Amino acid sequence: MKINWRVIFGLAVSLISVGLILRTVNLVEMAEELARANYWWLIPATLLNLFGTWSKSVRWRALLDNRISITRSFWISNAGNLLNNILPLRIGELSRAYLVSRKSTVTTMQGLSTVIIERLLDILTIFGMLLLVLRFVPSESTLVQAGTIFAAVAFIGVVGLFVAAAIREQSIAIARFFLKPLPEKLREALIHRGDDFLRGVSAAGGWRLVTGIFWSLLTWVGWGGSSAVLLLGFVPNATWYQGIFVTCAQALGLSIPSAPSGAGLYEAAAVAGLAVFGISSEVAFAFALVAHLLSFAITGVFGTIGLDREGESFKHLASAAQNVMASVRSK
């Protein structure tokens, strides 16, 4: 039986994250924080979370050149999120590419190319938000400066990728020049993969890209706002930038392979992110658990409805997504 080392690695990361949390968190005190929290803040937090999810589906529709309805984009996105929360390897992204290729003029590969663009737009927005809030971080000036430089470099790097995609032929010619010292077989393989990647990125250009950036901002404002509001239920004097910062910390943490839904890693990122502001591990862990459960519940409800709207079962969609993965790997 073939072992998928990415799955094993992800599980190991989540287990290590849980272990680190248990070493720093007093579970009795954490339970007390859960008991004294103000759960009325769940109402606006849920609405803002849904706003972010809806904005993300509008963004995806824009990147698909409006070839599906906003309603269908929303339900497909949630069905994909449901798979991501239960299965490893973010297979839900592949399921979206499969679902969108049905009952539309969008091909599976076109759907996959928009997933690549979405990830780049997310990275662009997250690091943009970090640049905004890092100046509020009460930490050593060298740490803040290093974080600011890293965020700025990452931000510029993603912008550079979009520019390179816009002038793809010139970019490939430059890459070919600098890769001359490499063996021909390796050089051509790298150029081929780079060209395929840039083709995928260049699939959304002009106003589609501008629209995608606009809806990315709204998406992360919604999700960051949801975290900031929910944090008020645990830290009454919490600020907006603390909510944005912990959202960025969790998003960057979840970029590391982990168990489905980022179990363990999601909570560890929140504890680490809020520790910067002097918020105790117990409070941060309690907040992260509730935030994670809220996200999981929203995805569960709307993802299940999405499956029903698409006439799909969880098992069949998971199988179809795996077929898409096998198809991509064979090319």
Protein backbone atom coordinates (compact mmCIF):
# COMPACT_ATOMS: atom_id res chain seq x y z
CA MET A 1 0.00 0.00 0.00
CA LYS A 2 1.40 3.38 -1.02
CA ILE A 3 2.07 5.72 1.89
CA ASN A 4 1.16 9.38 1.36
CA TRP A 5 3.91 11.17 3.23
CA ARG A 6 2.18 14.53 2.91
CA VAL A 7 -0.73 13.16 4.94
CA ILE A 8 1.63 11.66 7.52
CA PHE A 9 3.54 14.94 7.77
CA GLY A 10 0.30 16.91 8.18
CA LEU A 11 -0.89 14.65 10.98
CA ALA A 12 2.50 14.92 12.69
CA VAL A 13 2.35 18.74 12.51
CA SER A 14 -1.11 18.77 14.08
CA LEU A 15 -0.08 16.36 16.85
CA ILE A 16 3.01 18.44 17.64
CA SER A 17 0.83 21.58 17.72
CA VAL A 18 -1.57 19.94 20.17
CA GLY A 19 1.37 18.82 22.31
CA LEU A 20 2.79 22.35 22.43
CA ILE A 21 -0.61 23.75 23.43
CA LEU A 22 -1.07 21.21 26.23
CA ARG A 23 2.36 22.12 27.61
CA THR A 24 1.46 25.80 27.94
CA VAL A 25 -2.29 25.75 28.68
CA ASN A 26 -3.93 25.02 32.02
CA LEU A 27 -7.03 23.14 30.91
CA VAL A 28 -8.96 23.93 34.10
CA GLU A 29 -8.39 27.67 33.65
CA MET A 30 -9.23 27.34 29.95
CA ALA A 31 -12.56 25.71 30.86
CA GLU A 32 -13.25 28.61 33.22
CA GLU A 33 -12.58 31.07 30.38
CA LEU A 34 -15.04 29.18 28.20
CA ALA A 35 -17.63 29.37 30.99
CA ARG A 36 -17.30 33.12 31.53
CA ALA A 37 -17.15 34.14 27.85
CA ASN A 38 -19.86 36.39 26.39
CA TYR A 39 -21.37 34.31 23.60
CA TRP A 40 -23.65 37.06 22.33
CA TRP A 41 -20.67 38.09 20.20
CA LEU A 42 -21.18 34.87 18.24
CA ILE A 43 -24.06 36.51 16.37
CA PRO A 44 -22.09 39.33 14.65
CA ALA A 45 -19.08 36.99 14.34
CA THR A 46 -21.20 34.49 12.42
CA LEU A 47 -22.61 37.19 10.14
CA LEU A 48 -19.15 38.57 9.38
CA ASN A 49 -17.81 35.07 8.74
CA LEU A 50 -20.64 34.45 6.28
CA PHE A 51 -19.96 37.81 4.63
CA GLY A 52 -16.33 36.79 4.12
CA THR A 53 -17.37 33.41 2.70
CA TRP A 54 -19.91 35.04 0.38
CA SER A 55 -17.31 37.58 -0.80
CA LYS A 56 -14.91 34.72 -1.55
CA SER A 57 -17.54 33.06 -3.73
CA VAL A 58 -18.13 36.35 -5.58
CA ARG A 59 -14.38 36.62 -6.13
CA TRP A 60 -14.25 33.12 -7.56
CA ARG A 61 -17.13 33.88 -9.91
CA ALA A 62 -15.30 37.01 -11.11
CA LEU A 63 -12.13 34.99 -11.77
CA LEU A 64 -14.28 32.55 -13.75
CA ASP A 65 -15.35 35.49 -15.91
CA ASN A 66 -18.89 35.36 -14.44
CA ARG A 67 -19.64 32.08 -16.20
CA ILE A 68 -21.58 30.71 -13.23
CA SER A 69 -24.11 32.38 -10.95
CA ILE A 70 -23.13 33.85 -7.58
CA THR A 71 -25.52 31.41 -5.92
CA ARG A 72 -23.89 28.38 -7.53
CA SER A 73 -20.42 29.73 -6.78
CA PHE A 74 -21.41 30.06 -3.11
CA TRP A 75 -22.76 26.53 -2.79
CA ILE A 76 -19.86 24.93 -4.66
CA SER A 77 -17.37 26.85 -2.52
CA ASN A 78 -19.02 25.62 0.66
CA ALA A 79 -19.13 22.03 -0.59
CA GLY A 80 -15.40 22.29 -1.26
CA ASN A 81 -14.81 23.75 2.21
CA LEU A 82 -16.68 20.80 3.71
CA LEU A 83 -14.32 18.35 2.03
CA ASN A 84 -11.31 20.39 3.17
CA ASN A 85 -12.53 20.16 6.76
CA ILE A 86 -12.86 16.38 6.70
CA LEU A 87 -10.32 15.09 4.17
CA PRO A 88 -6.56 15.76 3.91
CA LEU A 89 -4.53 17.48 1.16
CA ARG A 90 -7.11 20.27 0.67
CA ILE A 91 -8.94 17.99 -1.72
CA GLY A 92 -11.93 20.33 -1.55
CA GLU A 93 -10.17 22.69 -3.97
CA LEU A 94 -10.10 19.90 -6.56
CA SER A 95 -13.76 19.17 -5.93
CA ARG A 96 -14.60 22.77 -6.78
CA ALA A 97 -12.82 22.43 -10.12
CA TYR A 98 -14.82 19.27 -10.81
CA LEU A 99 -18.19 20.72 -9.79
CA VAL A 100 -17.78 23.96 -11.71
CA SER A 101 -17.00 22.03 -14.90
CA ARG A 102 -20.50 20.55 -14.81
CA LYS A 103 -23.43 22.55 -16.16
CA SER A 104 -21.15 25.36 -17.37
CA THR A 105 -18.62 26.23 -20.07
CA VAL A 106 -15.79 26.16 -17.52
CA THR A 107 -13.32 23.28 -17.89
CA THR A 108 -11.75 21.46 -14.95
CA MET A 109 -8.32 22.91 -15.73
CA GLN A 110 -9.75 26.42 -15.92
CA GLY A 111 -11.31 25.83 -12.52
CA LEU A 112 -7.95 24.69 -11.15
CA SER A 113 -6.19 27.76 -12.55
CA THR A 114 -8.56 30.03 -10.63
CA VAL A 115 -7.71 28.11 -7.44
CA ILE A 116 -4.06 29.03 -7.98
CA ILE A 117 -4.99 32.68 -8.49
CA GLU A 118 -7.15 32.63 -5.37
CA ARG A 119 -4.24 31.36 -3.26
CA LEU A 120 -1.99 34.12 -4.60
CA LEU A 121 -4.64 36.76 -3.92
CA ASP A 122 -5.07 35.41 -0.39
CA ILE A 123 -1.32 35.63 0.22
CA LEU A 124 -1.26 39.15 -1.22
CA THR A 125 -4.12 40.26 1.04
CA ILE A 126 -2.81 38.55 4.19
CA PHE A 127 0.61 40.16 3.92
CA GLY A 128 -1.01 43.49 3.06
CA MET A 129 -3.04 43.24 6.27
CA LEU A 130 0.09 42.32 8.22
CA LEU A 131 1.84 45.43 6.93
CA LEU A 132 -1.12 47.42 8.23
CA VAL A 133 -1.22 45.97 11.76
CA LEU A 134 2.43 45.17 12.54
CA ARG A 135 3.03 48.72 13.70
CA PHE A 136 0.54 48.09 16.52
CA VAL A 137 2.36 44.98 17.76
CA PRO A 138 3.84 45.66 21.23
CA SER A 139 7.05 43.73 20.75
CA GLU A 140 10.76 44.22 20.28
CA SER A 141 11.39 46.78 17.55
CA THR A 142 13.76 44.39 15.75
CA LEU A 143 11.04 41.71 15.64
CA VAL A 144 8.51 44.16 14.24
CA GLN A 145 11.02 45.47 11.71
CA ALA A 146 11.92 41.93 10.62
CA GLY A 147 8.24 41.03 10.31
CA THR A 148 7.53 44.17 8.33
CA ILE A 149 10.42 43.48 5.94
CA PHE A 150 9.31 39.85 5.48
CA ALA A 151 5.69 40.89 4.84
CA ALA A 152 6.79 43.57 2.40
CA VAL A 153 9.05 41.15 0.49
CA ALA A 154 6.26 38.55 0.31
CA PHE A 155 3.79 41.21 -0.83
CA ILE A 156 6.13 42.45 -3.55
CA GLY A 157 6.93 38.85 -4.54
CA VAL A 158 3.28 38.03 -5.21
CA VAL A 159 2.84 41.27 -7.14
CA GLY A 160 5.92 40.26 -9.13
CA LEU A 161 4.31 36.90 -9.98
CA PHE A 162 1.26 38.66 -11.42
CA VAL A 163 3.54 40.97 -13.44
CA ALA A 164 5.57 37.98 -14.69
CA ALA A 165 2.34 36.26 -15.73
CA ALA A 166 1.22 39.36 -17.61
CA ILE A 167 4.46 39.29 -19.65
CA ARG A 168 4.76 35.52 -19.67
CA GLU A 169 6.83 35.11 -22.85
CA GLN A 170 9.41 37.68 -21.75
CA SER A 171 9.52 36.12 -18.26
CA ILE A 172 10.19 32.66 -19.71
CA ALA A 173 12.93 34.08 -21.93
CA ILE A 174 14.60 35.69 -18.89
CA ALA A 175 14.28 32.45 -16.91
CA ARG A 176 15.80 30.49 -19.79
CA PHE A 177 18.79 32.87 -19.84
CA PHE A 178 19.48 32.56 -16.10
CA LEU A 179 18.97 28.78 -16.09
CA LYS A 180 21.53 28.18 -18.86
CA PRO A 181 24.15 26.69 -16.48
CA LEU A 182 21.76 23.87 -15.48
CA PRO A 183 21.64 20.52 -17.31
CA GLU A 184 19.34 20.72 -20.31
CA LYS A 185 16.80 18.17 -19.04
CA LEU A 186 16.44 19.88 -15.66
CA ARG A 187 16.36 23.33 -17.25
CA GLU A 188 13.59 22.43 -19.67
CA ALA A 189 11.57 20.70 -16.94
CA LEU A 190 11.75 23.81 -14.73
CA ILE A 191 10.86 26.11 -17.62
CA HIS A 192 7.94 23.88 -18.61
CA ARG A 193 6.55 23.86 -15.07
CA GLY A 194 7.12 27.60 -14.69
CA ASP A 195 5.37 28.27 -17.99
CA ASP A 196 2.37 26.16 -16.93
CA PHE A 197 2.20 28.02 -13.62
CA LEU A 198 2.34 31.44 -15.28
CA ARG A 199 -0.32 30.37 -17.80
CA GLY A 200 -2.57 29.52 -14.88
CA VAL A 201 -1.93 32.86 -13.20
CA SER A 202 -2.40 34.83 -16.41
CA ALA A 203 -5.84 33.23 -16.86
CA ALA A 204 -7.21 36.15 -14.85
CA GLY A 205 -5.97 39.49 -16.07
CA GLY A 206 -7.15 43.03 -16.48
CA TRP A 207 -10.40 43.87 -14.78
CA ARG A 208 -10.92 40.29 -13.63
CA LEU A 209 -7.76 40.57 -11.56
CA VAL A 210 -8.71 44.02 -10.23
CA THR A 211 -12.14 42.69 -9.28
CA GLY A 212 -10.51 39.67 -7.65
CA ILE A 213 -8.28 41.92 -5.52
CA PHE A 214 -11.31 44.00 -4.45
CA TRP A 215 -13.28 40.94 -3.34
CA SER A 216 -10.19 39.50 -1.64
CA LEU A 217 -10.05 42.60 0.54
CA LEU A 218 -13.72 42.20 1.45
CA THR A 219 -13.24 38.47 2.10
CA TRP A 220 -10.46 38.98 4.62
CA VAL A 221 -12.08 42.04 6.17
CA GLY A 222 -15.09 39.81 6.83
CA TRP A 223 -13.02 36.98 8.32
CA GLY A 224 -10.73 39.32 10.24
CA GLY A 225 -13.73 41.25 11.52
CA SER A 226 -15.33 37.99 12.64
CA SER A 227 -12.23 37.15 14.70
CA ALA A 228 -12.05 40.66 16.17
CA VAL A 229 -15.70 40.60 17.22
CA LEU A 230 -15.53 37.09 18.66
CA LEU A 231 -12.38 38.01 20.59
CA LEU A 232 -14.44 40.65 22.43
CA GLY A 233 -16.39 37.80 23.99
CA PHE A 234 -13.19 36.62 25.71
CA VAL A 235 -11.22 39.88 26.00
CA PRO A 236 -13.66 42.79 26.50
CA ASN A 237 -11.01 45.41 25.69
CA ALA A 238 -9.72 43.63 22.58
CA THR A 239 -8.85 45.86 19.62
CA TRP A 240 -9.57 45.46 15.92
CA TYR A 241 -5.90 45.02 15.07
CA GLN A 242 -5.57 42.12 17.50
CA GLY A 243 -8.36 40.34 15.61
CA ILE A 244 -6.71 41.07 12.27
CA PHE A 245 -3.29 39.96 13.52
CA VAL A 246 -4.54 36.64 14.90
CA THR A 247 -6.44 36.02 11.65
CA CYS A 248 -3.21 36.54 9.69
CA ALA A 249 -1.31 34.30 12.12
CA GLN A 250 -3.87 31.52 11.69
CA ALA A 251 -3.93 31.89 7.90
CA LEU A 252 -0.14 31.68 7.69
CA GLY A 253 -0.13 28.76 10.11
CA LEU A 254 -2.64 26.88 8.01
CA SER A 255 -0.37 27.23 4.98
CA ILE A 256 1.69 24.46 6.61
CA PRO A 257 0.36 20.95 5.85
CA SER A 258 -1.69 19.67 8.78
CA ALA A 259 -4.61 17.44 9.65
CA PRO A 260 -7.98 18.21 7.98
CA SER A 261 -9.42 21.61 9.00
CA GLY A 262 -6.05 22.52 10.49
CA ALA A 263 -6.88 20.78 13.77
CA GLY A 264 -4.33 21.72 16.40
CA LEU A 265 -2.36 24.05 14.14
CA TYR A 266 -5.28 26.52 13.99
CA GLU A 267 -5.39 26.72 17.79
CA ALA A 268 -1.60 26.86 18.18
CA ALA A 269 -1.39 29.78 15.73
CA ALA A 270 -4.04 31.66 17.70
CA VAL A 271 -2.26 31.07 21.01
CA ALA A 272 1.05 32.25 19.54
CA GLY A 273 -0.52 35.24 17.79
CA LEU A 274 -2.41 36.52 20.83
CA ALA A 275 0.57 35.93 23.15
CA VAL A 276 2.24 38.85 21.38
CA PHE A 277 -0.39 41.11 22.95
CA GLY A 278 -0.02 39.59 26.40
CA ILE A 279 -3.22 37.54 26.19
CA SER A 280 -2.91 34.35 28.24
CA SER A 281 -2.69 30.96 26.58
CA GLU A 282 -5.89 29.86 28.34
CA VAL A 283 -7.92 32.77 26.96
CA ALA A 284 -6.39 32.40 23.51
CA PHE A 285 -7.03 28.66 23.42
CA ALA A 286 -10.65 29.11 24.54
CA PHE A 287 -11.15 31.75 21.85
CA ALA A 288 -9.54 29.55 19.18
CA LEU A 289 -11.68 26.54 20.07
CA VAL A 290 -14.90 28.54 19.78
CA ALA A 291 -13.74 30.24 16.56
CA HIS A 292 -12.80 26.88 15.05
CA LEU A 293 -16.10 25.29 16.06
CA LEU A 294 -17.99 28.26 14.62
CA SER A 295 -16.17 27.93 11.31
CA PHE A 296 -16.68 24.17 11.30
CA ALA A 297 -20.42 24.54 12.01
CA ILE A 298 -20.90 27.13 9.25
CA THR A 299 -19.03 24.96 6.78
CA GLY A 300 -20.92 21.85 7.87
CA VAL A 301 -24.35 23.44 7.41
CA PHE A 302 -23.72 25.31 4.16
CA GLY A 303 -21.43 22.63 2.75
CA THR A 304 -24.11 19.98 3.24
CA ILE A 305 -26.67 22.22 1.55
CA GLY A 306 -24.18 22.81 -1.25
CA LEU A 307 -23.78 19.09 -1.81
CA ASP A 308 -27.54 18.70 -1.98
CA ARG A 309 -27.91 21.63 -4.38
CA GLU A 310 -25.31 20.07 -6.67
CA GLY A 311 -26.94 16.64 -6.43
CA GLU A 312 -23.75 15.16 -5.00
CA SER A 313 -22.90 12.79 -2.19
CA PHE A 314 -19.82 13.30 -0.05
CA LYS A 315 -18.36 9.96 -1.13
CA HIS A 316 -18.84 10.53 -4.86
CA LEU A 317 -17.48 14.08 -4.74
CA ALA A 318 -14.41 12.94 -2.83
CA SER A 319 -13.83 10.23 -5.43
CA ALA A 320 -14.26 12.71 -8.29
CA ALA A 321 -11.77 15.09 -6.66
CA GLN A 322 -9.23 12.27 -6.36
CA ASN A 323 -9.70 11.54 -10.07
CA VAL A 324 -8.96 15.18 -10.83
CA MET A 325 -5.80 14.93 -8.73
CA ALA A 326 -4.69 11.80 -10.58
CA SER A 327 -5.38 13.51 -13.91
CA VAL A 328 -3.31 16.56 -12.98
CA ARG A 329 -0.39 14.44 -11.78
CA SER A 330 -0.36 12.42 -14.99
CA LYS A 331 0.16 15.53 -17.09
